[in-house]
Amino acid sequence: MFPYDTREDPALPIVQLRITDNSSRLRIPAFDAVVDSGADRSCLPGSILKGLGPLSYGKVLVRYVGDAMRENRDTVRILDATVDLLDRRGALRLTKKCENLVLIVHEEGILGRDILNRLLCELDGPRLRCRIR
């Protein structure tokens, strides 16, 4: 169970993600990610990539709601990934293997449908909690 961040208005479901490239054994440090079932792809904050070492980079055209804005964004591609979901204290809650994961480099972390569709996610707004299994 992951509590919403009530410092935001409206409150946001937030988890911590830690992603490992199993081929190179490179581990991307844990980062906060908004649970966003409307996002096609998950995003990781560019600030955590500095000095990490070799990753497979690419580009993708990102379209925002209503197609009002489009922009090219860097991506990180991991062919064999392990995605760990951690609670706010850093305790491991769930691990999921993902193949051919393409993460968009963004200002903030987002847990999108590319990973959520492999899980069961329940957003309980009235109780301000998120359950992912």
Protein backbone atom coordinates (compact mmCIF):
# COMPACT_ATOMS: atom_id res chain seq x y z
CA MET A 1 0.00 0.00 0.00
CA PHE A 2 1.33 3.39 -0.98
CA PRO A 3 -0.09 6.58 0.59
CA TYR A 4 -0.88 9.62 -1.52
CA ASP A 5 1.29 12.72 -1.21
CA THR A 6 -1.10 15.19 0.41
CA ARG A 7 1.32 18.12 0.02
CA GLU A 8 0.01 18.37 -3.55
CA ASP A 9 -3.48 19.63 -4.39
CA PRO A 10 -5.09 17.40 -5.43
CA ALA A 11 -3.19 14.69 -3.58
CA LEU A 12 -1.07 12.38 -5.78
CA PRO A 13 -0.40 8.64 -5.62
CA ILE A 14 3.39 8.34 -5.39
CA VAL A 15 5.70 5.34 -5.27
CA GLN A 16 9.45 5.00 -5.34
CA LEU A 17 10.89 3.12 -8.32
CA ARG A 18 14.29 1.51 -8.59
CA ILE A 19 15.18 0.09 -12.00
CA THR A 20 18.01 -2.32 -12.78
CA ASP A 21 19.41 -3.13 -16.22
CA ASN A 22 19.97 -6.86 -15.75
CA SER A 23 22.32 -7.12 -18.75
CA SER A 24 24.84 -4.60 -17.42
CA ARG A 25 23.82 -4.87 -13.74
CA LEU A 26 23.51 -1.10 -13.72
CA ARG A 27 21.04 0.07 -11.09
CA ILE A 28 19.25 3.38 -11.51
CA PRO A 29 18.88 4.85 -7.99
CA ALA A 30 15.40 4.96 -6.44
CA PHE A 31 13.27 7.96 -7.38
CA ASP A 32 9.74 9.19 -6.63
CA ALA A 33 7.20 8.53 -9.37
CA VAL A 34 3.61 9.69 -9.73
CA VAL A 35 1.26 6.79 -10.52
CA ASP A 36 -0.33 8.01 -13.77
CA SER A 37 -2.63 5.59 -15.59
CA GLY A 38 -3.04 8.20 -18.34
CA ALA A 39 0.66 8.18 -19.22
CA ASP A 40 1.56 5.76 -22.03
CA ARG A 41 5.16 5.43 -20.86
CA SER A 42 6.98 5.68 -17.57
CA CYS A 43 9.45 8.53 -17.07
CA LEU A 44 12.55 8.95 -15.01
CA PRO A 45 14.04 12.22 -13.84
CA GLY A 46 17.06 13.23 -15.89
CA SER A 47 18.85 14.44 -12.76
CA ILE A 48 19.45 10.85 -11.57
CA LEU A 49 21.17 9.79 -14.82
CA LYS A 50 24.27 11.95 -14.38
CA GLY A 51 27.36 9.80 -13.92
CA LEU A 52 25.52 6.48 -14.08
CA GLY A 53 27.51 4.91 -16.86
CA PRO A 54 26.53 3.27 -20.15
CA LEU A 55 22.83 3.23 -20.95
CA SER A 56 21.11 2.85 -24.32
CA TYR A 57 19.70 6.25 -25.28
CA GLY A 58 17.27 7.23 -28.01
CA LYS A 59 14.62 9.85 -28.86
CA VAL A 60 10.83 9.81 -28.90
CA LEU A 61 8.17 12.32 -29.89
CA VAL A 62 6.01 13.04 -26.86
CA ARG A 63 2.44 14.24 -27.34
CA TYR A 64 0.67 15.86 -24.42
CA VAL A 65 -3.06 15.89 -23.62
CA GLY A 66 -5.17 17.09 -26.51
CA ASP A 67 -2.16 17.10 -28.85
CA ALA A 68 -1.65 20.77 -27.93
CA MET A 69 2.09 20.32 -27.48
CA ARG A 70 4.66 17.95 -28.93
CA GLU A 71 8.37 17.70 -28.21
CA ASN A 72 11.26 15.33 -28.73
CA ARG A 73 12.53 13.73 -25.53
CA ASP A 74 15.49 11.54 -24.72
CA THR A 75 14.75 7.95 -23.77
CA VAL A 76 16.58 5.17 -21.97
CA ARG A 77 16.01 1.66 -23.32
CA ILE A 78 16.53 -1.39 -21.13
CA LEU A 79 15.98 -4.74 -22.83
CA ASP A 80 15.97 -6.81 -19.62
CA ALA A 81 14.88 -4.76 -16.59
CA THR A 82 13.89 -5.39 -13.02
CA VAL A 83 11.54 -2.76 -11.61
CA ASP A 84 11.33 -2.51 -7.82
CA LEU A 85 8.49 -0.61 -6.15
CA LEU A 86 9.51 0.76 -2.76
CA ASP A 87 7.50 2.50 -0.08
CA ARG A 88 8.41 5.99 1.19
CA ARG A 89 10.80 4.47 3.75
CA GLY A 90 12.63 2.59 1.00
CA ALA A 91 11.29 -0.87 1.90
CA LEU A 92 10.84 -3.21 -1.08
CA ARG A 93 7.13 -3.89 -1.72
CA LEU A 94 7.06 -5.45 -5.21
CA THR A 95 9.46 -6.59 -7.94
CA LYS A 96 8.52 -7.00 -11.60
CA LYS A 97 10.62 -8.13 -14.57
CA CYS A 98 10.09 -6.08 -17.74
CA GLU A 99 11.43 -6.65 -21.25
CA ASN A 100 12.16 -3.88 -23.73
CA LEU A 101 11.44 -1.03 -21.34
CA VAL A 102 11.67 2.44 -22.92
CA LEU A 103 11.71 5.18 -20.28
CA ILE A 104 11.29 8.85 -21.18
CA VAL A 105 13.77 11.24 -19.59
CA HIS A 106 11.62 13.92 -17.94
CA GLU A 107 11.68 16.47 -15.13
CA GLU A 108 9.82 14.11 -12.80
CA GLY A 109 9.31 10.39 -12.32
CA ILE A 110 6.10 8.85 -13.68
CA LEU A 111 4.87 5.27 -13.39
CA GLY A 112 2.91 4.86 -16.63
CA ARG A 113 0.89 2.14 -18.34
CA ASP A 114 3.94 0.45 -19.87
CA ILE A 115 4.65 -0.91 -16.38
CA LEU A 116 1.19 -0.56 -14.77
CA ASN A 117 -0.40 -2.85 -17.38
CA ARG A 118 1.75 -5.68 -16.01
CA LEU A 119 0.35 -5.12 -12.51
CA LEU A 120 -2.92 -4.71 -10.69
CA CYS A 121 -3.27 -1.12 -9.49
CA GLU A 122 -6.09 0.26 -7.35
CA LEU A 123 -6.26 4.01 -6.78
CA ASP A 124 -8.37 4.75 -3.72
CA GLY A 125 -8.77 8.52 -3.77
CA PRO A 126 -11.21 8.82 -0.85
CA ARG A 127 -8.77 6.91 1.42
CA LEU A 128 -5.70 8.56 -0.17
CA ARG A 129 -3.91 5.31 -0.87
CA CYS A 130 -2.75 3.24 -3.79
CA ARG A 131 -2.50 -0.53 -3.84
CA ILE A 132 -0.28 -2.21 -6.44
CA ARG A 133 0.14 -5.99 -6.79
